[in-house]
N, C-alpha and C. Protein backbone atom coordinates (compact mmCIF):
# COMPACT_ATOMS: atom_id res chain seq x y z
N MET A 1 25.53 -26.02 52.61
CA MET A 1 24.51 -26.93 52.11
C MET A 1 24.25 -28.04 53.12
N ARG A 2 22.96 -28.32 53.40
CA ARG A 2 22.63 -29.32 54.40
C ARG A 2 22.91 -30.72 53.88
N SER A 3 23.33 -31.58 54.80
CA SER A 3 23.59 -32.97 54.42
C SER A 3 22.31 -33.67 54.02
N ARG A 4 22.40 -34.57 53.08
CA ARG A 4 21.24 -35.32 52.60
C ARG A 4 20.61 -36.15 53.71
N THR A 5 21.42 -36.59 54.68
CA THR A 5 20.90 -37.44 55.74
C THR A 5 20.51 -36.65 56.98
N ALA A 6 20.59 -35.34 56.90
CA ALA A 6 20.36 -34.53 58.09
C ALA A 6 18.91 -34.28 58.40
N SER A 7 18.03 -34.46 57.42
CA SER A 7 16.64 -34.12 57.66
C SER A 7 15.69 -35.28 57.44
N SER A 8 15.25 -35.45 56.17
CA SER A 8 14.17 -36.39 55.89
C SER A 8 14.63 -37.84 55.78
N VAL A 9 15.92 -38.08 55.61
CA VAL A 9 16.40 -39.45 55.40
C VAL A 9 16.83 -40.05 56.72
N VAL A 10 16.30 -41.24 57.02
CA VAL A 10 16.67 -41.93 58.26
C VAL A 10 18.07 -42.49 58.12
N PRO A 11 19.00 -42.19 59.03
CA PRO A 11 20.37 -42.70 58.90
C PRO A 11 20.40 -44.22 59.01
N LEU A 12 21.39 -44.82 58.35
CA LEU A 12 21.49 -46.27 58.32
C LEU A 12 22.32 -46.84 59.47
N HIS A 13 22.76 -46.00 60.41
CA HIS A 13 23.57 -46.55 61.49
C HIS A 13 22.71 -47.44 62.40
N ARG A 14 21.38 -47.28 62.31
CA ARG A 14 20.47 -48.18 63.03
C ARG A 14 19.72 -48.99 61.99
N GLU A 15 20.48 -49.74 61.20
CA GLU A 15 19.92 -50.41 60.03
C GLU A 15 18.86 -51.45 60.40
N THR A 16 18.91 -52.01 61.61
CA THR A 16 17.92 -53.01 61.98
C THR A 16 16.54 -52.39 62.14
N ASP A 17 16.49 -51.05 62.29
CA ASP A 17 15.21 -50.37 62.46
C ASP A 17 14.61 -49.92 61.12
N VAL A 18 15.37 -50.09 60.05
CA VAL A 18 14.92 -49.62 58.74
C VAL A 18 14.24 -50.76 57.99
N ALA A 19 13.01 -50.55 57.55
CA ALA A 19 12.25 -51.59 56.86
C ALA A 19 12.85 -51.90 55.50
N ASP A 20 12.63 -53.13 55.05
CA ASP A 20 13.13 -53.53 53.74
C ASP A 20 12.61 -52.62 52.64
N ALA A 21 11.33 -52.25 52.72
CA ALA A 21 10.73 -51.41 51.67
C ALA A 21 11.46 -50.07 51.56
N THR A 22 11.86 -49.51 52.70
CA THR A 22 12.60 -48.25 52.69
C THR A 22 13.98 -48.44 52.07
N LEU A 23 14.62 -49.53 52.44
CA LEU A 23 15.95 -49.81 51.90
C LEU A 23 15.90 -50.06 50.40
N VAL A 24 14.87 -50.76 49.94
CA VAL A 24 14.73 -51.02 48.51
C VAL A 24 14.54 -49.71 47.76
N ALA A 25 13.72 -48.82 48.30
CA ALA A 25 13.50 -47.52 47.66
C ALA A 25 14.80 -46.75 47.55
N ARG A 26 15.59 -46.77 48.61
CA ARG A 26 16.88 -46.06 48.58
C ARG A 26 17.86 -46.70 47.60
N ALA A 27 17.86 -48.04 47.60
CA ALA A 27 18.77 -48.74 46.69
C ALA A 27 18.43 -48.43 45.24
N ARG A 28 17.14 -48.36 44.95
CA ARG A 28 16.72 -48.01 43.59
C ARG A 28 17.15 -46.60 43.21
N ALA A 29 17.26 -45.75 44.21
CA ALA A 29 17.68 -44.37 43.96
C ALA A 29 19.20 -44.23 43.90
N GLY A 30 19.90 -45.35 44.02
CA GLY A 30 21.35 -45.32 43.90
C GLY A 30 22.11 -45.33 45.20
N ASP A 31 21.42 -45.58 46.32
CA ASP A 31 22.07 -45.60 47.63
C ASP A 31 22.72 -46.97 47.83
N ARG A 32 24.03 -47.02 47.69
CA ARG A 32 24.76 -48.29 47.79
C ARG A 32 24.74 -48.83 49.22
N PHE A 33 24.72 -47.93 50.21
CA PHE A 33 24.68 -48.38 51.60
C PHE A 33 23.37 -49.12 51.89
N ALA A 34 22.29 -48.67 51.30
CA ALA A 34 20.99 -49.34 51.49
C ALA A 34 21.03 -50.73 50.88
N LEU A 35 21.62 -50.85 49.70
CA LEU A 35 21.73 -52.16 49.06
C LEU A 35 22.61 -53.08 49.88
N ASP A 36 23.72 -52.56 50.38
CA ASP A 36 24.61 -53.37 51.22
C ASP A 36 23.89 -53.87 52.47
N THR A 37 23.04 -53.01 53.03
CA THR A 37 22.29 -53.39 54.22
C THR A 37 21.33 -54.53 53.91
N LEU A 38 20.63 -54.44 52.79
CA LEU A 38 19.72 -55.51 52.37
C LEU A 38 20.48 -56.82 52.19
N VAL A 39 21.65 -56.74 51.59
CA VAL A 39 22.46 -57.94 51.35
C VAL A 39 22.90 -58.56 52.66
N ARG A 40 23.41 -57.73 53.58
CA ARG A 40 23.86 -58.25 54.88
C ARG A 40 22.70 -58.87 55.65
N ARG A 41 21.52 -58.31 55.48
CA ARG A 41 20.35 -58.76 56.23
C ARG A 41 19.83 -60.11 55.73
N HIS A 42 19.84 -60.33 54.43
CA HIS A 42 19.14 -61.49 53.89
C HIS A 42 20.00 -62.51 53.14
N LEU A 43 21.14 -62.09 52.60
CA LEU A 43 21.90 -63.00 51.75
C LEU A 43 22.46 -64.22 52.50
N PRO A 44 22.93 -64.09 53.76
CA PRO A 44 23.47 -65.28 54.43
C PRO A 44 22.47 -66.43 54.52
N ALA A 45 21.22 -66.13 54.84
CA ALA A 45 20.21 -67.19 54.93
C ALA A 45 19.94 -67.80 53.57
N VAL A 46 19.86 -66.96 52.55
CA VAL A 46 19.62 -67.46 51.20
C VAL A 46 20.81 -68.29 50.72
N ALA A 47 22.01 -67.86 51.05
CA ALA A 47 23.21 -68.61 50.66
C ALA A 47 23.23 -69.98 51.31
N GLY A 48 22.81 -70.05 52.58
CA GLY A 48 22.74 -71.34 53.26
C GLY A 48 21.75 -72.27 52.60
N THR A 49 20.60 -71.73 52.19
CA THR A 49 19.59 -72.53 51.51
C THR A 49 20.13 -73.05 50.18
N VAL A 50 20.79 -72.20 49.44
CA VAL A 50 21.37 -72.60 48.15
C VAL A 50 22.38 -73.72 48.34
N ALA A 51 23.22 -73.60 49.36
CA ALA A 51 24.24 -74.62 49.62
C ALA A 51 23.60 -75.96 49.93
N ARG A 52 22.52 -75.96 50.71
CA ARG A 52 21.85 -77.22 51.04
C ARG A 52 21.11 -77.80 49.85
N LEU A 53 20.57 -76.95 49.00
CA LEU A 53 19.89 -77.44 47.81
C LEU A 53 20.85 -78.09 46.83
N LEU A 54 22.01 -77.47 46.65
CA LEU A 54 22.96 -77.96 45.66
C LEU A 54 23.92 -79.02 46.20
N GLY A 55 24.25 -78.94 47.50
CA GLY A 55 25.18 -79.90 48.07
C GLY A 55 26.60 -79.73 47.58
N ASP A 56 26.92 -78.58 47.04
CA ASP A 56 28.26 -78.32 46.50
C ASP A 56 28.63 -76.88 46.82
N PRO A 57 29.52 -76.66 47.79
CA PRO A 57 29.86 -75.29 48.21
C PRO A 57 30.36 -74.40 47.09
N SER A 58 31.18 -74.96 46.20
CA SER A 58 31.72 -74.17 45.10
C SER A 58 30.62 -73.74 44.14
N GLU A 59 29.74 -74.68 43.82
CA GLU A 59 28.64 -74.36 42.92
C GLU A 59 27.68 -73.39 43.59
N ALA A 60 27.45 -73.57 44.88
CA ALA A 60 26.56 -72.67 45.63
C ALA A 60 27.11 -71.25 45.62
N GLU A 61 28.41 -71.12 45.77
CA GLU A 61 29.03 -69.79 45.75
C GLU A 61 28.81 -69.10 44.40
N ASP A 62 28.92 -69.89 43.33
CA ASP A 62 28.67 -69.33 41.99
C ASP A 62 27.22 -68.86 41.86
N VAL A 63 26.29 -69.65 42.40
CA VAL A 63 24.88 -69.29 42.32
C VAL A 63 24.60 -68.02 43.11
N VAL A 64 25.22 -67.89 44.27
CA VAL A 64 25.04 -66.68 45.08
C VAL A 64 25.56 -65.46 44.33
N GLN A 65 26.71 -65.60 43.68
CA GLN A 65 27.25 -64.50 42.90
C GLN A 65 26.32 -64.14 41.74
N ASP A 66 25.80 -65.18 41.06
CA ASP A 66 24.86 -64.94 39.96
C ASP A 66 23.59 -64.26 40.46
N THR A 67 23.15 -64.67 41.65
CA THR A 67 21.95 -64.08 42.24
C THR A 67 22.16 -62.59 42.52
N MET A 68 23.29 -62.26 43.09
CA MET A 68 23.56 -60.85 43.39
C MET A 68 23.66 -60.02 42.11
N ALA A 69 24.25 -60.60 41.07
CA ALA A 69 24.34 -59.88 39.79
C ALA A 69 22.94 -59.62 39.24
N ALA A 70 22.05 -60.62 39.39
CA ALA A 70 20.67 -60.46 38.91
C ALA A 70 19.93 -59.42 39.73
N VAL A 71 20.18 -59.39 41.03
CA VAL A 71 19.52 -58.42 41.90
C VAL A 71 19.89 -56.99 41.49
N LEU A 72 21.14 -56.77 41.19
CA LEU A 72 21.58 -55.43 40.79
C LEU A 72 20.86 -54.96 39.54
N VAL A 73 20.58 -55.90 38.64
CA VAL A 73 19.94 -55.55 37.38
C VAL A 73 18.42 -55.45 37.53
N ASP A 74 17.84 -56.39 38.29
CA ASP A 74 16.39 -56.55 38.32
C ASP A 74 15.68 -55.88 39.50
N LEU A 75 16.42 -55.27 40.42
CA LEU A 75 15.78 -54.65 41.58
C LEU A 75 14.67 -53.67 41.19
N PRO A 76 14.82 -52.89 40.12
CA PRO A 76 13.74 -51.96 39.75
C PRO A 76 12.43 -52.67 39.38
N THR A 77 12.49 -53.98 39.09
CA THR A 77 11.27 -54.70 38.69
C THR A 77 10.52 -55.28 39.89
N LEU A 78 11.09 -55.18 41.07
CA LEU A 78 10.44 -55.73 42.26
C LEU A 78 9.17 -54.96 42.56
N ARG A 79 8.02 -55.65 42.50
CA ARG A 79 6.74 -54.98 42.66
C ARG A 79 6.39 -54.68 44.12
N GLU A 80 6.82 -55.55 45.03
CA GLU A 80 6.52 -55.36 46.44
C GLU A 80 7.83 -55.24 47.22
N PRO A 81 8.33 -54.04 47.41
CA PRO A 81 9.62 -53.84 48.08
C PRO A 81 9.70 -54.48 49.46
N ARG A 82 8.58 -54.55 50.19
CA ARG A 82 8.63 -55.16 51.52
C ARG A 82 8.86 -56.66 51.45
N ALA A 83 8.66 -57.26 50.26
CA ALA A 83 8.84 -58.70 50.08
C ALA A 83 10.20 -59.02 49.48
N PHE A 84 11.20 -58.20 49.79
CA PHE A 84 12.52 -58.35 49.18
C PHE A 84 13.11 -59.74 49.43
N ARG A 85 13.01 -60.24 50.67
CA ARG A 85 13.64 -61.52 50.98
C ARG A 85 13.03 -62.66 50.15
N GLY A 86 11.71 -62.69 50.04
CA GLY A 86 11.08 -63.73 49.24
C GLY A 86 11.49 -63.64 47.78
N TRP A 87 11.58 -62.41 47.29
CA TRP A 87 12.01 -62.19 45.91
C TRP A 87 13.45 -62.64 45.71
N LEU A 88 14.31 -62.31 46.66
CA LEU A 88 15.71 -62.72 46.58
C LEU A 88 15.83 -64.24 46.54
N LEU A 89 15.05 -64.92 47.38
CA LEU A 89 15.08 -66.38 47.39
C LEU A 89 14.55 -66.94 46.07
N ARG A 90 13.52 -66.31 45.51
CA ARG A 90 12.99 -66.78 44.23
C ARG A 90 14.04 -66.66 43.12
N VAL A 91 14.78 -65.57 43.12
CA VAL A 91 15.86 -65.40 42.14
C VAL A 91 16.91 -66.51 42.32
N ALA A 92 17.28 -66.79 43.57
CA ALA A 92 18.28 -67.81 43.84
C ALA A 92 17.79 -69.19 43.44
N VAL A 93 16.53 -69.49 43.74
CA VAL A 93 15.96 -70.80 43.39
C VAL A 93 15.94 -70.98 41.87
N HIS A 94 15.64 -69.92 41.16
CA HIS A 94 15.68 -69.98 39.69
C HIS A 94 17.09 -70.35 39.22
N LYS A 95 18.09 -69.78 39.84
CA LYS A 95 19.47 -70.09 39.48
C LYS A 95 19.81 -71.54 39.83
N VAL A 96 19.26 -72.04 40.95
CA VAL A 96 19.48 -73.43 41.33
C VAL A 96 18.88 -74.36 40.29
N HIS A 97 17.67 -74.04 39.83
CA HIS A 97 17.04 -74.83 38.77
C HIS A 97 17.95 -74.92 37.55
N ARG A 98 18.55 -73.81 37.18
CA ARG A 98 19.43 -73.79 36.02
C ARG A 98 20.64 -74.70 36.25
N ARG A 99 21.14 -74.73 37.47
CA ARG A 99 22.27 -75.62 37.78
C ARG A 99 21.88 -77.08 37.66
N PHE A 100 20.68 -77.41 38.14
CA PHE A 100 20.21 -78.79 38.02
C PHE A 100 20.06 -79.19 36.55
N ARG A 101 19.54 -78.28 35.74
CA ARG A 101 19.41 -78.57 34.31
C ARG A 101 20.78 -78.76 33.68
N ARG A 102 21.74 -77.96 34.10
CA ARG A 102 23.11 -78.09 33.56
C ARG A 102 23.70 -79.44 33.94
N ARG A 103 23.49 -79.87 35.18
CA ARG A 103 23.98 -81.18 35.61
C ARG A 103 23.39 -82.29 34.75
N LYS A 104 22.10 -82.16 34.45
CA LYS A 104 21.42 -83.17 33.64
C LYS A 104 22.04 -83.27 32.26
N VAL A 105 22.34 -82.13 31.66
CA VAL A 105 22.97 -82.11 30.35
C VAL A 105 24.36 -82.73 30.41
N LEU A 106 25.11 -82.38 31.45
CA LEU A 106 26.46 -82.92 31.59
C LEU A 106 26.45 -84.44 31.78
N ARG A 107 25.48 -84.91 32.57
CA ARG A 107 25.36 -86.37 32.75
C ARG A 107 25.06 -87.04 31.42
N PHE A 108 24.18 -86.43 30.64
CA PHE A 108 23.82 -86.98 29.34
C PHE A 108 25.04 -87.07 28.44
N LEU A 109 25.92 -86.07 28.54
CA LEU A 109 27.13 -86.05 27.72
C LEU A 109 28.25 -86.89 28.31
N GLY A 110 28.03 -87.40 29.53
CA GLY A 110 29.04 -88.24 30.17
C GLY A 110 30.23 -87.48 30.70
N ILE A 111 30.06 -86.20 30.97
CA ILE A 111 31.20 -85.40 31.44
C ILE A 111 30.92 -84.71 32.77
N GLY A 112 29.91 -85.17 33.47
CA GLY A 112 29.63 -84.55 34.76
C GLY A 112 28.53 -85.30 35.48
N GLY A 113 28.11 -84.77 36.59
CA GLY A 113 27.06 -85.42 37.35
C GLY A 113 26.82 -84.69 38.65
N GLU A 114 26.19 -85.40 39.58
CA GLU A 114 25.94 -84.83 40.89
C GLU A 114 27.23 -84.72 41.69
N PRO A 115 27.36 -83.70 42.53
CA PRO A 115 28.55 -83.58 43.38
C PRO A 115 28.59 -84.70 44.39
N GLU A 116 29.78 -85.02 44.87
CA GLU A 116 29.94 -86.08 45.87
C GLU A 116 29.39 -85.65 47.22
N GLY A 117 29.45 -84.36 47.51
CA GLY A 117 28.99 -83.88 48.80
C GLY A 117 27.48 -83.81 48.86
N GLY A 118 26.97 -83.31 49.97
CA GLY A 118 25.52 -83.20 50.13
C GLY A 118 25.17 -82.77 51.52
N LEU A 119 23.96 -83.10 51.94
CA LEU A 119 23.50 -82.71 53.27
C LEU A 119 24.39 -83.26 54.37
N ALA A 120 24.90 -84.47 54.18
CA ALA A 120 25.75 -85.07 55.21
C ALA A 120 27.00 -84.23 55.46
N ASP A 121 27.56 -83.66 54.40
CA ASP A 121 28.75 -82.82 54.54
C ASP A 121 28.44 -81.50 55.23
N LEU A 122 27.16 -81.11 55.20
CA LEU A 122 26.77 -79.85 55.81
C LEU A 122 26.21 -80.03 57.21
N ALA A 123 26.16 -81.28 57.68
CA ALA A 123 25.60 -81.57 59.00
C ALA A 123 26.51 -81.00 60.10
N SER A 124 25.93 -80.78 61.26
CA SER A 124 26.70 -80.26 62.39
C SER A 124 27.65 -81.33 62.92
N GLU A 125 28.64 -80.88 63.67
CA GLU A 125 29.62 -81.82 64.23
C GLU A 125 28.98 -82.76 65.25
N GLU A 126 27.84 -82.35 65.80
CA GLU A 126 27.18 -83.17 66.82
C GLU A 126 26.34 -84.31 66.22
N ALA A 127 26.19 -84.31 64.90
CA ALA A 127 25.38 -85.35 64.26
C ALA A 127 25.99 -86.73 64.48
N THR A 128 25.15 -87.72 64.77
CA THR A 128 25.62 -89.09 65.00
C THR A 128 25.90 -89.79 63.67
N GLN A 129 26.55 -90.93 63.74
CA GLN A 129 26.82 -91.72 62.54
C GLN A 129 25.51 -92.15 61.88
N GLU A 130 24.52 -92.49 62.70
CA GLU A 130 23.23 -92.88 62.16
C GLU A 130 22.57 -91.72 61.41
N GLN A 131 22.68 -90.52 61.97
CA GLN A 131 22.12 -89.35 61.30
C GLN A 131 22.84 -89.07 59.99
N HIS A 132 24.15 -89.23 59.99
CA HIS A 132 24.92 -89.05 58.76
C HIS A 132 24.48 -90.06 57.71
N ALA A 133 24.27 -91.29 58.12
CA ALA A 133 23.84 -92.33 57.19
C ALA A 133 22.48 -92.00 56.60
N GLU A 134 21.57 -91.49 57.43
CA GLU A 134 20.24 -91.12 56.95
C GLU A 134 20.32 -89.94 55.98
N LEU A 135 21.23 -89.00 56.26
CA LEU A 135 21.39 -87.85 55.37
C LEU A 135 21.95 -88.29 54.01
N VAL A 136 22.87 -89.24 54.03
CA VAL A 136 23.42 -89.76 52.78
C VAL A 136 22.31 -90.41 51.96
N LEU A 137 21.47 -91.21 52.63
CA LEU A 137 20.36 -91.85 51.96
C LEU A 137 19.35 -90.83 51.45
N LEU A 138 19.10 -89.79 52.26
CA LEU A 138 18.18 -88.73 51.85
C LEU A 138 18.70 -88.03 50.60
N ASP A 139 20.00 -87.72 50.59
CA ASP A 139 20.61 -87.11 49.41
C ASP A 139 20.40 -87.99 48.18
N ARG A 140 20.60 -89.28 48.36
CA ARG A 140 20.47 -90.23 47.25
C ARG A 140 19.05 -90.20 46.69
N MET A 141 18.06 -90.17 47.59
CA MET A 141 16.67 -90.14 47.14
C MET A 141 16.32 -88.80 46.50
N LEU A 142 16.81 -87.70 47.07
CA LEU A 142 16.53 -86.39 46.51
C LEU A 142 17.03 -86.28 45.07
N ARG A 143 18.15 -86.92 44.80
CA ARG A 143 18.74 -86.83 43.47
C ARG A 143 17.97 -87.62 42.42
N THR A 144 17.07 -88.48 42.87
CA THR A 144 16.24 -89.22 41.91
C THR A 144 14.99 -88.43 41.53
N LEU A 145 14.71 -87.36 42.23
CA LEU A 145 13.48 -86.59 42.01
C LEU A 145 13.66 -85.53 40.93
N PRO A 146 12.57 -85.16 40.27
CA PRO A 146 12.63 -83.99 39.39
C PRO A 146 13.05 -82.77 40.19
N ALA A 147 13.77 -81.86 39.56
CA ALA A 147 14.30 -80.69 40.28
C ALA A 147 13.19 -79.90 40.96
N SER A 148 12.04 -79.77 40.31
CA SER A 148 10.96 -78.97 40.89
C SER A 148 10.47 -79.58 42.20
N GLU A 149 10.36 -80.92 42.26
CA GLU A 149 9.91 -81.58 43.48
C GLU A 149 11.01 -81.56 44.54
N ARG A 150 12.21 -81.77 44.11
CA ARG A 150 13.36 -81.78 45.03
C ARG A 150 13.50 -80.43 45.73
N ILE A 151 13.40 -79.36 44.98
CA ILE A 151 13.55 -78.03 45.56
C ILE A 151 12.39 -77.69 46.47
N ALA A 152 11.17 -77.95 46.01
CA ALA A 152 9.99 -77.63 46.83
C ALA A 152 10.02 -78.39 48.15
N TRP A 153 10.33 -79.68 48.10
CA TRP A 153 10.37 -80.49 49.33
C TRP A 153 11.47 -79.99 50.27
N SER A 154 12.63 -79.68 49.73
CA SER A 154 13.74 -79.21 50.56
C SER A 154 13.42 -77.88 51.22
N LEU A 155 12.79 -76.98 50.48
CA LEU A 155 12.44 -75.68 51.05
C LEU A 155 11.45 -75.85 52.19
N ARG A 156 10.52 -76.80 52.02
CA ARG A 156 9.50 -77.02 53.05
C ARG A 156 10.02 -77.83 54.23
N CYS A 157 10.66 -78.96 53.95
CA CYS A 157 10.98 -79.92 55.00
C CYS A 157 12.40 -79.79 55.56
N VAL A 158 13.29 -79.17 54.83
CA VAL A 158 14.65 -78.95 55.34
C VAL A 158 14.79 -77.51 55.83
N GLU A 159 14.34 -76.56 55.01
CA GLU A 159 14.48 -75.15 55.37
C GLU A 159 13.35 -74.67 56.28
N GLY A 160 12.23 -75.39 56.30
CA GLY A 160 11.13 -75.03 57.18
C GLY A 160 10.29 -73.86 56.71
N LEU A 161 10.29 -73.58 55.41
CA LEU A 161 9.47 -72.50 54.89
C LEU A 161 7.99 -72.89 54.93
N SER A 162 7.14 -71.89 55.01
CA SER A 162 5.71 -72.14 54.92
C SER A 162 5.37 -72.49 53.48
N LEU A 163 4.16 -73.04 53.28
CA LEU A 163 3.73 -73.36 51.93
C LEU A 163 3.67 -72.11 51.05
N ASP A 164 3.20 -71.02 51.63
CA ASP A 164 3.15 -69.77 50.88
C ASP A 164 4.55 -69.34 50.44
N GLU A 165 5.51 -69.46 51.34
CA GLU A 165 6.89 -69.07 51.03
C GLU A 165 7.49 -69.99 49.97
N VAL A 166 7.17 -71.27 50.04
CA VAL A 166 7.66 -72.20 49.02
C VAL A 166 7.09 -71.83 47.65
N ALA A 167 5.80 -71.52 47.61
CA ALA A 167 5.17 -71.15 46.35
C ALA A 167 5.82 -69.90 45.75
N VAL A 168 6.12 -68.92 46.60
CA VAL A 168 6.77 -67.70 46.13
C VAL A 168 8.17 -68.01 45.61
N ALA A 169 8.94 -68.78 46.38
CA ALA A 169 10.31 -69.10 45.99
C ALA A 169 10.36 -69.90 44.69
N CYS A 170 9.38 -70.78 44.50
CA CYS A 170 9.35 -71.63 43.31
C CYS A 170 8.58 -70.98 42.17
N ASP A 171 8.01 -69.79 42.43
CA ASP A 171 7.27 -69.05 41.41
C ASP A 171 6.15 -69.91 40.82
N CYS A 172 5.36 -70.52 41.72
CA CYS A 172 4.26 -71.37 41.29
C CYS A 172 3.06 -71.14 42.22
N SER A 173 1.93 -71.74 41.88
CA SER A 173 0.75 -71.60 42.72
C SER A 173 0.92 -72.41 44.00
N LEU A 174 0.08 -72.08 44.99
CA LEU A 174 0.11 -72.82 46.25
C LEU A 174 -0.23 -74.29 46.02
N ALA A 175 -1.20 -74.56 45.17
CA ALA A 175 -1.59 -75.94 44.88
C ALA A 175 -0.46 -76.72 44.23
N THR A 176 0.26 -76.06 43.32
CA THR A 176 1.38 -76.72 42.65
C THR A 176 2.51 -77.01 43.64
N ALA A 177 2.79 -76.05 44.51
CA ALA A 177 3.83 -76.25 45.52
C ALA A 177 3.49 -77.44 46.41
N LYS A 178 2.25 -77.49 46.85
CA LYS A 178 1.82 -78.59 47.72
C LYS A 178 1.90 -79.92 47.00
N ARG A 179 1.49 -79.95 45.74
CA ARG A 179 1.54 -81.19 44.96
C ARG A 179 2.98 -81.68 44.80
N ARG A 180 3.91 -80.77 44.54
CA ARG A 180 5.32 -81.15 44.39
C ARG A 180 5.88 -81.71 45.70
N ILE A 181 5.54 -81.06 46.80
CA ILE A 181 6.04 -81.52 48.09
C ILE A 181 5.50 -82.90 48.43
N LEU A 182 4.22 -83.11 48.22
CA LEU A 182 3.61 -84.41 48.52
C LEU A 182 4.18 -85.52 47.65
N ALA A 183 4.42 -85.22 46.37
CA ALA A 183 5.00 -86.22 45.48
C ALA A 183 6.39 -86.63 45.95
N ALA A 184 7.20 -85.64 46.33
CA ALA A 184 8.54 -85.93 46.83
C ALA A 184 8.48 -86.65 48.17
N ASP A 185 7.55 -86.24 49.01
CA ASP A 185 7.43 -86.81 50.35
C ASP A 185 7.11 -88.30 50.29
N ARG A 186 6.26 -88.69 49.35
CA ARG A 186 5.91 -90.11 49.23
C ARG A 186 7.13 -90.95 48.88
N VAL A 187 7.94 -90.45 47.97
CA VAL A 187 9.14 -91.18 47.56
C VAL A 187 10.15 -91.26 48.69
N ILE A 188 10.39 -90.12 49.33
CA ILE A 188 11.42 -90.04 50.36
C ILE A 188 11.06 -90.88 51.58
N ARG A 189 9.82 -90.76 52.05
CA ARG A 189 9.42 -91.48 53.26
C ARG A 189 9.31 -92.99 53.05
N ALA A 190 9.28 -93.41 51.80
CA ALA A 190 9.27 -94.85 51.53
C ALA A 190 10.66 -95.45 51.70
N HIS A 191 11.68 -94.61 51.76
CA HIS A 191 13.06 -95.11 51.84
C HIS A 191 13.87 -94.56 53.00
N VAL A 192 13.48 -93.41 53.53
CA VAL A 192 14.27 -92.74 54.56
C VAL A 192 13.45 -92.58 55.83
N ALA A 193 14.04 -92.94 56.96
CA ALA A 193 13.34 -92.85 58.26
C ALA A 193 13.49 -91.44 58.82
N ILE A 194 12.66 -90.53 58.31
CA ILE A 194 12.72 -89.15 58.79
C ILE A 194 11.36 -88.78 59.35
N ASP A 195 11.39 -87.83 60.26
CA ASP A 195 10.15 -87.32 60.83
C ASP A 195 10.35 -85.87 61.15
N ALA A 196 9.62 -85.01 60.44
CA ALA A 196 9.74 -83.56 60.65
C ALA A 196 8.37 -83.00 60.97
N PRO A 197 7.87 -83.22 62.21
CA PRO A 197 6.52 -82.75 62.55
C PRO A 197 6.38 -81.26 62.35
N GLY A 198 5.23 -80.89 61.80
CA GLY A 198 4.96 -79.47 61.60
C GLY A 198 5.50 -78.92 60.31
N ARG A 199 6.27 -79.73 59.55
CA ARG A 199 6.84 -79.22 58.32
C ARG A 199 6.26 -79.91 57.10
N ARG A 200 5.42 -80.90 57.31
CA ARG A 200 4.81 -81.56 56.17
C ARG A 200 3.70 -80.68 55.63
N PRO A 201 3.42 -80.79 54.32
CA PRO A 201 2.39 -79.93 53.73
C PRO A 201 1.03 -80.20 54.31
N ARG A 202 0.27 -79.14 54.48
CA ARG A 202 -1.08 -79.27 55.02
C ARG A 202 -2.06 -78.61 54.05
C-alpha cells in the first residue's frame, strides 16, 4: 500500500513552504503534524502580544493555553484558512478581554487587581532608566483606560499592527478600531512622552 505522503500530499519536512491554508485543511482532516506546524509558526508571536497586553507572565500563559484549547475546538469554523494568524490573534484577544473583566470583578470585591508587573518588566536589558520610568507611567495610564481602548491602542502602537489587523483582532469595524485607538492616544500622550512615528492611526 502506498504511503499517504508519497503522492498528492506535500511533505511537512519543508514546513516553511507550506501555506497556512493548506495546513489548516490538513489539521481539519486530523493531521496533528499540520496543526503543530501552525502552532510553531504563529503562537510565539501571539503569546508575546498576550504577555504585553496583560503584563503578567503567569496570566498570559493561562490565556495562551485557553487560546490553544479554543483553537482545537473552533478550527472547523474558520472561514478563511489563509487568515489563520489573524484568527488566532482574535481568539487570544477575546481571552484577554475576559481576563480584564475578571480583574475588574476582583477589584470590586476587594480581592484582586492589576498585576504589579507590566511593560517595564518586559523591556530589554538595554533599556535606560528613563525608558523604564516612561514604561511604568505608560502602564499606569493604560490601566485607566477601558479594556477595548487599551487593547486596540496596544495592538497598534506597541505591537505595530495595521489598522485592518487591529480591527480583525478586536472583532470590530475599522472605524471602531480607529476611534478606540484615537481615544486612548489622547489620554496617553497627555501624560507620557512617547513618539511612535508611523504607528499612529491614520
